[in-house]
Amino acid sequence: MDNRTRYLQLLETYGITQARSAELVAAVTERPCSVRTVRSWVNDPDKPSSSPCPGWAVAALEKAIEYMRRAIARRAEVDAHESAESSGGQPS
């Protein structure tokens, strides 16, 4: 699977917009990443405005998704613990 296809697959699988993915890539890489850049990566390769999607961008998006998944899991654990404490029970 090429980088463009993988990037598009990640966007679809996780319901991430191109704009949000640009923010995530920028956050992980600590470098600017514009929506226009992302559009050029996922655009039809035959179009003049297309650019090859770099492997580092796919890796950064995958890392951002993993960070989000971990944060959601931690938040669920904290919520479960707080819920159990407020009800007088033990966390599950």
Protein backbone atom coordinates (compact mmCIF):
# COMPACT_ATOMS: atom_id res chain seq x y z
CA MET A 1 0.00 0.00 0.00
CA ASP A 2 1.44 3.38 -0.94
CA ASN A 3 1.64 6.30 1.50
CA ARG A 4 -1.24 8.19 -0.11
CA THR A 5 -3.57 5.20 0.19
CA ARG A 6 -2.50 4.54 3.79
CA TYR A 7 -3.03 8.19 4.76
CA LEU A 8 -6.50 8.18 3.19
CA GLN A 9 -7.28 4.88 4.94
CA LEU A 10 -6.33 6.37 8.31
CA LEU A 11 -8.53 9.39 7.69
CA GLU A 12 -11.50 7.22 6.82
CA THR A 13 -11.00 4.60 9.53
CA TYR A 14 -10.73 7.13 12.34
CA GLY A 15 -13.08 9.78 10.95
CA ILE A 16 -10.35 12.41 10.79
CA THR A 17 -10.74 15.38 8.46
CA GLN A 18 -7.88 16.58 6.30
CA ALA A 19 -7.77 19.77 8.39
CA ARG A 20 -7.60 17.85 11.66
CA SER A 21 -4.92 15.55 10.25
CA ALA A 22 -2.81 18.60 9.37
CA GLU A 23 -3.09 19.76 12.99
CA LEU A 24 -2.17 16.30 14.28
CA VAL A 25 0.84 15.95 11.97
CA ALA A 26 2.01 19.42 12.99
CA ALA A 27 1.62 18.58 16.68
CA VAL A 28 3.58 15.33 16.42
CA THR A 29 6.35 16.67 14.20
CA GLU A 30 6.46 20.12 15.83
CA ARG A 31 6.65 21.54 12.30
CA PRO A 32 3.99 23.43 10.33
CA CYS A 33 1.63 21.34 8.24
CA SER A 34 -1.12 23.08 6.31
CA VAL A 35 -4.40 21.71 5.05
CA ARG A 36 -3.21 22.60 1.57
CA THR A 37 -0.19 20.34 2.05
CA VAL A 38 -2.39 17.46 3.18
CA ARG A 39 -4.66 18.02 0.18
CA SER A 40 -1.67 17.78 -2.12
CA TRP A 41 -0.72 14.44 -0.52
CA VAL A 42 -4.16 12.88 -0.88
CA ASN A 43 -5.09 14.45 -4.21
CA ASP A 44 -5.29 12.36 -7.38
CA PRO A 45 -1.63 11.70 -8.26
CA ASP A 46 -2.29 12.70 -11.88
CA LYS A 47 -3.30 16.25 -10.91
CA PRO A 48 -0.67 18.99 -11.09
CA SER A 49 -1.38 20.06 -7.49
CA SER A 50 -0.54 16.59 -6.20
CA SER A 51 2.61 15.82 -4.20
CA PRO A 52 3.82 12.43 -3.06
CA CYS A 53 2.71 11.67 0.49
CA PRO A 54 5.86 11.27 2.57
CA GLY A 55 6.33 8.31 4.85
CA TRP A 56 7.07 10.59 7.80
CA ALA A 57 3.58 12.13 7.44
CA VAL A 58 1.92 8.72 7.59
CA ALA A 59 4.08 7.79 10.61
CA ALA A 60 3.20 11.09 12.33
CA LEU A 61 -0.52 10.58 11.76
CA GLU A 62 -0.31 7.00 13.05
CA LYS A 63 1.54 8.24 16.14
CA ALA A 64 -1.07 10.94 16.74
CA ILE A 65 -3.86 8.38 16.47
CA GLU A 66 -2.07 6.13 18.96
CA TYR A 67 -1.68 9.07 21.37
CA MET A 68 -5.40 9.83 21.06
CA ARG A 69 -6.35 6.19 21.64
CA ARG A 70 -4.18 6.03 24.77
CA ALA A 71 -5.60 9.31 26.08
CA ILE A 72 -9.16 8.07 25.57
CA ALA A 73 -8.36 4.80 27.36
CA ARG A 74 -6.76 6.67 30.28
CA ARG A 75 -9.74 9.01 30.48
CA ALA A 76 -12.11 6.03 30.60
CA GLU A 77 -10.07 4.50 33.44
CA VAL A 78 -10.14 7.76 35.41
CA ASP A 79 -13.87 8.16 34.83
CA ALA A 80 -14.52 4.58 35.94
CA HIS A 81 -12.41 5.07 39.05
CA GLU A 82 -14.13 8.37 39.92
CA SER A 83 -17.54 6.83 39.32
CA ALA A 84 -16.74 3.88 41.57
CA GLU A 85 -15.44 6.17 44.31
CA SER A 86 -18.50 8.39 44.19
CA SER A 87 -20.80 5.37 44.45
CA GLY A 88 -18.80 3.82 47.28
CA GLY A 89 -17.79 0.78 45.25
CA GLN A 90 -14.52 -0.51 43.95
CA PRO A 91 -13.29 0.34 40.48
CA SER A 92 -13.80 -2.43 37.98
